[in-house]
C-alpha atoms as a PDB file:
ATOM      1  CA  MET A   1     147.796-183.272 -79.889  1.00  0.00           C
ATOM      2  CA  GLU A   2     148.052-180.645 -82.547  1.00  0.00           C
ATOM      3  CA  LYS A   3     149.030-176.989 -81.679  1.00  0.00           C
ATOM      4  CA  GLU A   4     146.448-174.439 -82.119  1.00  0.00           C
ATOM      5  CA  ARG A   5     146.608-172.722 -85.546  1.00  0.00           C
ATOM      6  CA  LYS A   6     146.184-169.163 -86.910  1.00  0.00           C
ATOM      7  CA  ARG A   7     144.681-168.034 -90.168  1.00  0.00           C
ATOM      8  CA  LYS A   8     146.312-165.320 -91.745  1.00  0.00           C
ATOM      9  CA  ILE A   9     145.810-164.150 -95.540  1.00  0.00           C
ATOM     10  CA  ILE A  10     148.778-162.991 -97.443  1.00  0.00           C
ATOM     11  CA  ASP A  11     149.670-161.316-100.625  1.00  0.00           C
ATOM     12  CA  LEU A  12     152.506-162.886-102.796  1.00  0.00           C
ATOM     13  CA  ASN A  13     154.049-161.052-105.740  1.00  0.00           C
ATOM     14  CA  GLU A  14     153.644-163.054-109.061  1.00  0.00           C
ATOM     15  CA  ASP A  15     157.682-163.704-109.047  1.00  0.00           C
ATOM     16  CA  THR A  16     157.311-165.325-105.444  1.00  0.00           C
ATOM     17  CA  PHE A  17     154.391-167.281-105.975  1.00  0.00           C
ATOM     18  CA  LYS A  18     155.702-168.762-109.184  1.00  0.00           C
ATOM     19  CA  VAL A  19     159.064-169.879-107.403  1.00  0.00           C
ATOM     20  CA  LEU A  20     157.529-170.969-104.324  1.00  0.00           C
ATOM     21  CA  SER A  21     155.206-172.988-106.326  1.00  0.00           C
ATOM     22  CA  ILE A  22     157.997-174.841-108.398  1.00  0.00           C
ATOM     23  CA  LYS A  23     159.798-175.408-105.156  1.00  0.00           C
ATOM     24  CA  ALA A  24     156.550-176.963-103.562  1.00  0.00           C
ATOM     25  CA  ALA A  25     155.941-179.340-106.462  1.00  0.00           C
ATOM     26  CA  GLU A  26     159.920-180.299-106.424  1.00  0.00           C
ATOM     27  CA  GLU A  27     159.201-181.010-102.724  1.00  0.00           C
ATOM     28  CA  GLY A  28     155.980-183.240-103.364  1.00  0.00           C
ATOM     29  CA  THR A  29     153.966-180.800-101.305  1.00  0.00           C
ATOM     30  CA  ASN A  30     151.536-177.707-102.119  1.00  0.00           C
ATOM     31  CA  LEU A  31     152.704-174.166-101.867  1.00  0.00           C
ATOM     32  CA  LYS A  32     150.549-173.549 -98.785  1.00  0.00           C
ATOM     33  CA  ALA A  33     152.332-176.540 -97.077  1.00  0.00           C
ATOM     34  CA  LEU A  34     155.361-175.286 -98.501  1.00  0.00           C
ATOM     35  CA  ILE A  35     155.231-171.778 -96.963  1.00  0.00           C
ATOM     36  CA  GLU A  36     153.831-173.311 -93.539  1.00  0.00           C
ATOM     37  CA  LYS A  37     156.455-175.332 -92.995  1.00  0.00           C
ATOM     38  CA  SER A  38     159.096-172.475 -94.006  1.00  0.00           C
ATOM     39  CA  LEU A  39     157.667-170.458 -91.683  1.00  0.00           C
ATOM     40  CA  ASP A  40     157.611-172.707 -88.964  1.00  0.00           C
ATOM     41  CA  GLU A  41     161.337-173.330 -89.191  1.00  0.00           C
ATOM     42  CA  LEU A  42     161.999-169.728 -89.445  1.00  0.00           C
ATOM     43  CA  ALA A  43     160.491-169.183 -86.071  1.00  0.00           C
ATOM     44  CA  GLU A  44     162.242-171.982 -84.720  1.00  0.00           C
ATOM     45  CA  ASN A  45     165.630-170.453 -85.802  1.00  0.00           C
ATOM     46  CA  ILE A  46     164.539-167.243 -84.360  1.00  0.00           C
ATOM     47  CA  ARG A  47     163.751-169.326 -81.159  1.00  0.00           C
ATOM     48  CA  ASP A  48     167.372-171.055 -80.821  1.00  0.00           C
ATOM     49  CA  SER A  49     168.905-167.889 -82.057  1.00  0.00           C
ATOM     50  CA  GLN A  50     167.468-165.909 -79.113  1.00  0.00           C
ATOM     51  CA  LEU A  51     167.947-168.658 -76.748  1.00  0.00           C
ATOM     52  CA  TYR A  52     171.680-168.586 -77.602  1.00  0.00           C
ATOM     53  CA  SER A  53     172.271-165.038 -77.415  1.00  0.00           C
ATOM     54  CA  TYR A  54     170.455-164.783 -73.788  1.00  0.00           C
ATOM     55  CA  LEU A  55     172.691-167.822 -72.690  1.00  0.00           C
ATOM     56  CA  LEU A  56     175.671-166.072 -73.969  1.00  0.00           C
ATOM     57  CA  ARG A  57     174.832-163.242 -72.205  1.00  0.00           C
ATOM     58  CA  THR A  58     173.863-164.895 -69.018  1.00  0.00           C
ATOM     59  CA  TYR A  59     176.105-167.942 -68.788  1.00  0.00           C
ATOM     60  CA  PRO A  60     179.493-166.790 -70.290  1.00  0.00           C
ATOM     61  CA  GLU A  61     180.955-170.449 -70.048  1.00  0.00           C
ATOM     62  CA  GLY A  62     183.345-171.178 -72.902  1.00  0.00           C
ATOM     63  CA  LYS A  63     184.316-167.426 -73.262  1.00  0.00           C
ATOM     64  CA  GLU A  64     187.045-167.378 -70.548  1.00  0.00           C
ATOM     65  CA  ILE A  65     190.360-167.794 -71.529  1.00  0.00           C
ATOM     66  CA  VAL A  66     192.206-170.987 -70.342  1.00  0.00           C
ATOM     67  CA  SER A  67     195.556-170.983 -68.539  1.00  0.00           C
ATOM     68  CA  SER A  68     198.590-172.313 -69.747  1.00  0.00           C
ATOM     69  CA  LYS A  69     198.489-175.317 -67.626  1.00  0.00           C
ATOM     70  CA  GLU A  70     195.029-175.843 -69.077  1.00  0.00           C
ATOM     71  CA  LYS A  71     196.056-175.734 -72.253  1.00  0.00           C
ATOM     72  CA  GLU A  72     198.652-178.023 -71.881  1.00  0.00           C
ATOM     73  CA  GLU A  73     196.536-180.761 -69.975  1.00  0.00           C
ATOM     74  CA  PHE A  74     193.814-180.332 -73.126  1.00  0.00           C
ATOM     75  CA  GLU A  75     196.371-180.607 -75.528  1.00  0.00           C
ATOM     76  CA  SER A  76     198.043-183.598 -73.986  1.00  0.00           C
ATOM     77  CA  TRP A  77     194.480-185.476 -73.664  1.00  0.00           C
ATOM     78  CA  LEU A  78     194.051-184.888 -77.269  1.00  0.00           C
ATOM     79  CA  GLY A  79     197.269-186.058 -78.335  1.00  0.00           C
ATOM     80  CA  LEU A  80     198.914-183.087 -79.734  1.00  0.00           C
END
């Protein structure tokens, strides 16, 4: 099932239009599809970044300094 889509008319400056049109042709697609894909990827990266930031604030696992004993055990396990 396809997600609901929203329509938005945008204005691009001429240089941006040319560069993106060339990029779209290079990828074998059209300008509209390239812009939609790029914006979807940007939104996904923002979501990932915000989620990661939230997790770092609320679950600080991995930010704790290990004891010397834990460090030695880990290095031994790695064969260092």
